[in-house]
Every structure is written in C-alpha cells, then in structure tokens.
Amino acid sequence: MTILTTTELAPTGLYSTDEVVATTLPVDLPVDTWRTMLRVVVPAAAGDLLDVDARARVTNDVGYNVGVGWHLWAYDTDSGQGTAGPWWKLAPSSGDNVDPARHHMPLHITAVHQVPADWPAGHRITVVLRADAHSTAWQSGDTLTVDPLGVLTVRRWTTSPPAPGVCCPPAA
C-alpha cells in the first residue's frame, strides 16, 4: 500500500479547465477507442503531488444500453513526442452503463499522483480525462453526446515553487 502525504509540500497551483474537447463518443465494440474529453497542462517537478478531480457527462440517444469507461491519463508535455506518448494511467478505470431510461450519465474520477523522481527539470505534465463507449448492439455511426458540462482540476503540491512568472502571470 502506497501512502502519499503533503509533509514538506505546499500547495503551489490550481489548474482547471471546463473546455470539453470532445463533442461525441463513438459507440463500438472494442474498449480501446478512447476520446480525450478534457485536458490541462501543469508545471511539474520530481516529487510533486498532483491532486486530480474530473467530472463530465454523456447523453445516450442511441436507444440501447451503452457501457462507458473513463480514466485519467498523463503524458510529458515537453518530451518532444506530444500526444504520441508515452502515456500512463493515473488511477484505475471507472465505468458504468447508460441505458435510454437513464439518458444522462455523470462521469467522475479522482486521483493523487506523485510525479516520478526522474521527472525532467522544467517539463510540464498534461493530465487528461479520456472515455470510451461500447456495446454489443452498436451500429456504425452511433455516438453518445459529450455534454459541455465538464471540469478537470489539478491541485499541485510541491517543495520547489516555480519562479515568479514561470507558471502564472504575476498578480496585478
């Protein structure tokens, strides 16, 4: 069992977005056709703790039961590889079924992630909420609507606060 604490750490930033980047989730049979729903870029240093909370909602208008899986992922923003990777999961996946009667399904997930000790100095981390929709009843072109109601928030705890103006504009 891993225990993470904020001893010797101080809160140094709150990074949040409500910009939902996907408008639909395609419904298919595989469970690996994920779509990015929300993403936020965060300054990071080795040993930082990132307290992540994400919420979104999907709507089922396809007329049959659909399984939805969602998860938090991250990648090194400044590795030069962008979204090509490598990616890693921040927490176990969550999932539920949304049938026509339920219609709207909220997605919520939280995690605390410690930035690895070998994290490259000056690199930022991109934290992402991804989801996938699947059903044995799927038909080509079926989608769930991703409602524009999401929010992804990352609270950064660190021992080495960034220099003024590095991560954030100076206070007015």
C-alpha atoms as a PDB file:
ATOM      1  CA  MET A   1       0.000   0.000   0.000  1.00  0.00           C
ATOM      2  CA  THR A   2       1.399   3.358  -1.038  1.00  0.00           C
ATOM      3  CA  ILE A   3       0.804   6.276   1.269  1.00  0.00           C
ATOM      4  CA  LEU A   4       1.292   9.777  -0.092  1.00  0.00           C
ATOM      5  CA  THR A   5       1.417  12.757   2.250  1.00  0.00           C
ATOM      6  CA  THR A   6       1.824  16.500   1.883  1.00  0.00           C
ATOM      7  CA  THR A   7       4.504  16.669   4.579  1.00  0.00           C
ATOM      8  CA  GLU A   8       7.156  19.148   3.432  1.00  0.00           C
ATOM      9  CA  LEU A   9       4.938  20.118   0.493  1.00  0.00           C
ATOM     10  CA  ALA A  10       2.999  23.307  -0.094  1.00  0.00           C
ATOM     11  CA  PRO A  11       0.094  23.981  -2.451  1.00  0.00           C
ATOM     12  CA  THR A  12       1.586  25.941  -5.344  1.00  0.00           C
ATOM     13  CA  GLY A  13      -1.017  25.975  -8.056  1.00  0.00           C
ATOM     14  CA  LEU A  14      -4.568  25.253  -9.079  1.00  0.00           C
ATOM     15  CA  TYR A  15      -5.021  24.366 -12.748  1.00  0.00           C
ATOM     16  CA  SER A  16      -8.506  23.884 -14.101  1.00  0.00           C
ATOM     17  CA  THR A  17     -10.384  23.776 -17.371  1.00  0.00           C
ATOM     18  CA  ASP A  18     -14.007  23.462 -18.376  1.00  0.00           C
ATOM     19  CA  GLU A  19     -13.142  23.282 -22.091  1.00  0.00           C
ATOM     20  CA  VAL A  20     -14.618  19.954 -23.166  1.00  0.00           C
ATOM     21  CA  VAL A  21     -12.650  18.970 -26.291  1.00  0.00           C
ATOM     22  CA  ALA A  22     -14.813  16.058 -27.473  1.00  0.00           C
ATOM     23  CA  THR A  23     -18.421  16.513 -28.544  1.00  0.00           C
ATOM     24  CA  THR A  24     -19.189  12.819 -29.069  1.00  0.00           C
ATOM     25  CA  LEU A  25     -18.006   9.362 -28.040  1.00  0.00           C
ATOM     26  CA  PRO A  26     -18.302   6.815 -30.839  1.00  0.00           C
ATOM     27  CA  VAL A  27     -20.092   3.642 -29.759  1.00  0.00           C
ATOM     28  CA  ASP A  28     -18.394   0.462 -30.972  1.00  0.00           C
ATOM     29  CA  LEU A  29     -17.445  -2.977 -29.712  1.00  0.00           C
ATOM     30  CA  PRO A  30     -13.760  -2.508 -28.777  1.00  0.00           C
ATOM     31  CA  VAL A  31     -12.910  -0.936 -25.436  1.00  0.00           C
ATOM     32  CA  ASP A  32      -9.814   0.871 -26.666  1.00  0.00           C
ATOM     33  CA  THR A  33     -11.217   3.662 -28.856  1.00  0.00           C
ATOM     34  CA  TRP A  34     -10.868   6.339 -26.203  1.00  0.00           C
ATOM     35  CA  ARG A  35     -11.505  10.003 -26.760  1.00  0.00           C
ATOM     36  CA  THR A  36      -9.991  12.880 -24.817  1.00  0.00           C
ATOM     37  CA  MET A  37     -12.758  14.775 -23.065  1.00  0.00           C
ATOM     38  CA  LEU A  38     -10.748  17.289 -21.011  1.00  0.00           C
ATOM     39  CA  ARG A  39      -7.068  18.135 -20.645  1.00  0.00           C
ATOM     40  CA  VAL A  40      -4.964  20.567 -18.631  1.00  0.00           C
ATOM     41  CA  VAL A  41      -1.231  21.350 -18.705  1.00  0.00           C
ATOM     42  CA  VAL A  42       0.508  21.669 -15.329  1.00  0.00           C
ATOM     43  CA  PRO A  43       4.072  22.636 -14.378  1.00  0.00           C
ATOM     44  CA  ALA A  44       5.694  19.705 -12.586  1.00  0.00           C
ATOM     45  CA  ALA A  45       8.818  18.828 -10.658  1.00  0.00           C
ATOM     46  CA  ALA A  46      10.107  15.498  -9.389  1.00  0.00           C
ATOM     47  CA  GLY A  47       8.265  14.512  -6.216  1.00  0.00           C
ATOM     48  CA  ASP A  48       5.287  16.840  -6.717  1.00  0.00           C
ATOM     49  CA  LEU A  49       1.866  15.553  -5.722  1.00  0.00           C
ATOM     50  CA  LEU A  50      -0.957  16.204  -8.162  1.00  0.00           C
ATOM     51  CA  ASP A  51      -4.458  16.024  -6.700  1.00  0.00           C
ATOM     52  CA  VAL A  52      -6.745  15.468  -9.712  1.00  0.00           C
ATOM     53  CA  ASP A  53     -10.540  15.719  -9.903  1.00  0.00           C
ATOM     54  CA  ALA A  54     -12.504  15.334 -13.147  1.00  0.00           C
ATOM     55  CA  ARG A  55     -16.211  15.469 -13.968  1.00  0.00           C
ATOM     56  CA  ALA A  56     -18.041  15.164 -17.255  1.00  0.00           C
ATOM     57  CA  ARG A  57     -21.409  13.931 -18.569  1.00  0.00           C
ATOM     58  CA  VAL A  58     -22.606  11.910 -21.541  1.00  0.00           C
ATOM     59  CA  THR A  59     -26.085  11.585 -23.045  1.00  0.00           C
ATOM     60  CA  ASN A  60     -27.434   8.384 -24.618  1.00  0.00           C
ATOM     61  CA  ASP A  61     -29.790   8.918 -27.553  1.00  0.00           C
ATOM     62  CA  VAL A  62     -28.947   5.656 -29.398  1.00  0.00           C
ATOM     63  CA  GLY A  63     -31.852   3.637 -27.966  1.00  0.00           C
ATOM     64  CA  TYR A  64     -29.879   0.806 -26.322  1.00  0.00           C
ATOM     65  CA  ASN A  65     -27.611   0.173 -23.336  1.00  0.00           C
ATOM     66  CA  VAL A  66     -24.055   1.503 -23.689  1.00  0.00           C
ATOM     67  CA  GLY A  67     -21.088   0.820 -21.427  1.00  0.00           C
ATOM     68  CA  VAL A  68     -18.818   3.768 -20.762  1.00  0.00           C
ATOM     69  CA  GLY A  69     -15.337   3.544 -19.321  1.00  0.00           C
ATOM     70  CA  TRP A  70     -13.394   6.593 -18.198  1.00  0.00           C
ATOM     71  CA  HIS A  71      -9.928   7.128 -16.809  1.00  0.00           C
ATOM     72  CA  LEU A  72      -7.262   9.712 -16.009  1.00  0.00           C
ATOM     73  CA  TRP A  73      -4.069   9.676 -18.050  1.00  0.00           C
ATOM     74  CA  ALA A  74      -0.955  11.829 -18.279  1.00  0.00           C
ATOM     75  CA  TYR A  75       1.971  12.466 -20.580  1.00  0.00           C
ATOM     76  CA  ASP A  76       5.092  14.642 -20.629  1.00  0.00           C
ATOM     77  CA  THR A  77       4.055  17.810 -22.452  1.00  0.00           C
ATOM     78  CA  ASP A  78       7.638  18.772 -23.254  1.00  0.00           C
ATOM     79  CA  SER A  79       9.110  15.395 -24.271  1.00  0.00           C
ATOM     80  CA  GLY A  80       9.029  16.349 -27.951  1.00  0.00           C
ATOM     81  CA  GLN A  81       6.635  13.469 -28.647  1.00  0.00           C
ATOM     82  CA  GLY A  82       3.394  15.271 -27.775  1.00  0.00           C
ATOM     83  CA  THR A  83       0.362  13.010 -27.674  1.00  0.00           C
ATOM     84  CA  ALA A  84       2.376  10.215 -29.342  1.00  0.00           C
ATOM     85  CA  GLY A  85       3.434   9.177 -25.861  1.00  0.00           C
ATOM     86  CA  PRO A  86       4.333   7.648 -23.704  1.00  0.00           C
ATOM     87  CA  TRP A  87       1.100   7.928 -21.689  1.00  0.00           C
ATOM     88  CA  TRP A  88       0.430   6.462 -18.247  1.00  0.00           C
ATOM     89  CA  LYS A  89      -2.740   5.974 -16.219  1.00  0.00           C
ATOM     90  CA  LEU A  90      -3.079   7.991 -13.030  1.00  0.00           C
ATOM     91  CA  ALA A  91      -5.778   5.822 -11.447  1.00  0.00           C
ATOM     92  CA  PRO A  92      -7.813   2.689 -12.047  1.00  0.00           C
ATOM     93  CA  SER A  93     -10.539   2.968 -14.670  1.00  0.00           C
ATOM     94  CA  SER A  94     -14.143   3.697 -13.790  1.00  0.00           C
ATOM     95  CA  GLY A  95     -17.161   2.512 -15.714  1.00  0.00           C
ATOM     96  CA  ASP A  96     -20.933   2.309 -15.786  1.00  0.00           C
ATOM     97  CA  ASN A  97     -23.814   1.671 -18.160  1.00  0.00           C
ATOM     98  CA  VAL A  98     -26.159   4.301 -19.513  1.00  0.00           C
ATOM     99  CA  ASP A  99     -29.439   2.991 -20.893  1.00  0.00           C
ATOM    100  CA  PRO A 100     -32.135   5.001 -22.693  1.00  0.00           C
ATOM    101  CA  ALA A 101     -34.176   5.436 -19.487  1.00  0.00           C
ATOM    102  CA  ARG A 102     -31.214   6.875 -17.600  1.00  0.00           C
ATOM    103  CA  HIS A 103     -30.334   9.033 -20.613  1.00  0.00           C
ATOM    104  CA  HIS A 104     -27.724  11.307 -18.904  1.00  0.00           C
ATOM    105  CA  MET A 105     -24.763   9.806 -17.063  1.00  0.00           C
ATOM    106  CA  PRO A 106     -22.287  11.775 -14.974  1.00  0.00           C
ATOM    107  CA  LEU A 107     -18.653  10.656 -15.039  1.00  0.00           C
ATOM    108  CA  HIS A 108     -16.498  11.441 -12.002  1.00  0.00           C
ATOM    109  CA  ILE A 109     -12.993  10.343 -11.085  1.00  0.00           C
ATOM    110  CA  THR A 110     -10.261  11.478  -8.710  1.00  0.00           C
ATOM    111  CA  ALA A 111      -6.638  10.527  -8.169  1.00  0.00           C
ATOM    112  CA  VAL A 112      -3.496  11.608  -6.383  1.00  0.00           C
ATOM    113  CA  HIS A 113      -0.351  11.124  -8.439  1.00  0.00           C
ATOM    114  CA  GLN A 114       3.253  11.593  -7.400  1.00  0.00           C
ATOM    115  CA  VAL A 115       5.499  12.895 -10.171  1.00  0.00           C
ATOM    116  CA  PRO A 116       8.369  10.384 -10.600  1.00  0.00           C
ATOM    117  CA  ALA A 117      11.778  11.140  -9.061  1.00  0.00           C
ATOM    118  CA  ASP A 118      13.372  11.101 -12.532  1.00  0.00           C
ATOM    119  CA  TRP A 119      10.996  13.718 -13.987  1.00  0.00           C
ATOM    120  CA  PRO A 120      12.975  16.059 -16.327  1.00  0.00           C
ATOM    121  CA  ALA A 121      13.510  19.521 -14.841  1.00  0.00           C
ATOM    122  CA  GLY A 122      11.346  22.188 -16.464  1.00  0.00           C
ATOM    123  CA  HIS A 123       8.964  19.733 -18.140  1.00  0.00           C
ATOM    124  CA  ARG A 124       5.211  20.114 -17.780  1.00  0.00           C
ATOM    125  CA  ILE A 125       2.688  17.318 -17.441  1.00  0.00           C
ATOM    126  CA  THR A 126      -0.586  17.111 -19.352  1.00  0.00           C
ATOM    127  CA  VAL A 127      -3.406  15.481 -17.362  1.00  0.00           C
ATOM    128  CA  VAL A 128      -6.262  14.065 -19.434  1.00  0.00           C
ATOM    129  CA  LEU A 129      -9.760  12.663 -18.826  1.00  0.00           C
ATOM    130  CA  ARG A 130     -10.473  10.032 -21.507  1.00  0.00           C
ATOM    131  CA  ALA A 131     -13.543   7.896 -22.140  1.00  0.00           C
ATOM    132  CA  ASP A 132     -14.742   5.058 -24.371  1.00  0.00           C
ATOM    133  CA  ALA A 133     -18.274   3.883 -25.254  1.00  0.00           C
ATOM    134  CA  HIS A 134     -19.038   0.303 -26.240  1.00  0.00           C
ATOM    135  CA  SER A 135     -21.988  -2.030 -26.782  1.00  0.00           C
ATOM    136  CA  THR A 136     -22.765  -5.343 -28.459  1.00  0.00           C
ATOM    137  CA  ALA A 137     -25.758  -3.566 -30.061  1.00  0.00           C
ATOM    138  CA  TRP A 138     -23.635  -0.870 -31.712  1.00  0.00           C
ATOM    139  CA  GLN A 139     -24.155   0.205 -35.283  1.00  0.00           C
ATOM    140  CA  SER A 140     -21.711   2.161 -37.392  1.00  0.00           C
ATOM    141  CA  GLY A 141     -22.044   5.899 -36.786  1.00  0.00           C
ATOM    142  CA  ASP A 142     -23.682   5.615 -33.345  1.00  0.00           C
ATOM    143  CA  THR A 143     -22.389   8.090 -30.786  1.00  0.00           C
ATOM    144  CA  LEU A 144     -23.039   9.346 -27.285  1.00  0.00           C
ATOM    145  CA  THR A 145     -23.152  13.097 -26.845  1.00  0.00           C
ATOM    146  CA  VAL A 146     -20.456  14.558 -24.619  1.00  0.00           C
ATOM    147  CA  ASP A 147     -22.241  17.360 -22.816  1.00  0.00           C
ATOM    148  CA  PRO A 148     -20.339  20.676 -22.458  1.00  0.00           C
ATOM    149  CA  LEU A 149     -20.509  20.442 -18.653  1.00  0.00           C
ATOM    150  CA  GLY A 150     -17.135  19.014 -17.688  1.00  0.00           C
ATOM    151  CA  VAL A 151     -14.356  20.290 -15.478  1.00  0.00           C
ATOM    152  CA  LEU A 152     -10.844  18.969 -14.852  1.00  0.00           C
ATOM    153  CA  THR A 153      -8.937  20.377 -11.876  1.00  0.00           C
ATOM    154  CA  VAL A 154      -5.385  19.656 -10.757  1.00  0.00           C
ATOM    155  CA  ARG A 155      -4.058  20.926  -7.431  1.00  0.00           C
ATOM    156  CA  ARG A 156      -0.248  20.927  -7.367  1.00  0.00           C
ATOM    157  CA  TRP A 157       1.717  20.377  -4.170  1.00  0.00           C
ATOM    158  CA  THR A 158       5.490  20.877  -4.375  1.00  0.00           C
ATOM    159  CA  THR A 159       8.662  21.534  -2.384  1.00  0.00           C
ATOM    160  CA  SER A 160      10.062  23.774  -5.099  1.00  0.00           C
ATOM    161  CA  PRO A 161       7.659  26.570  -6.009  1.00  0.00           C
ATOM    162  CA  PRO A 162       8.164  27.930  -9.539  1.00  0.00           C
ATOM    163  CA  ALA A 163       9.887  31.244 -10.028  1.00  0.00           C
ATOM    164  CA  PRO A 164       7.508  34.214 -10.354  1.00  0.00           C
ATOM    165  CA  GLY A 165       6.010  34.393 -13.835  1.00  0.00           C
ATOM    166  CA  VAL A 166       7.109  30.853 -14.825  1.00  0.00           C
ATOM    167  CA  CYS A 167       3.762  29.156 -14.476  1.00  0.00           C
ATOM    168  CA  CYS A 168       1.466  32.013 -13.836  1.00  0.00           C
ATOM    169  CA  PRO A 169       1.162  35.673 -14.727  1.00  0.00           C
ATOM    170  CA  PRO A 170       2.148  37.944 -11.843  1.00  0.00           C
ATOM    171  CA  ALA A 171      -0.646  39.269  -9.676  1.00  0.00           C
ATOM    172  CA  ALA A 172      -1.978  42.634 -10.807  1.00  0.00           C
END
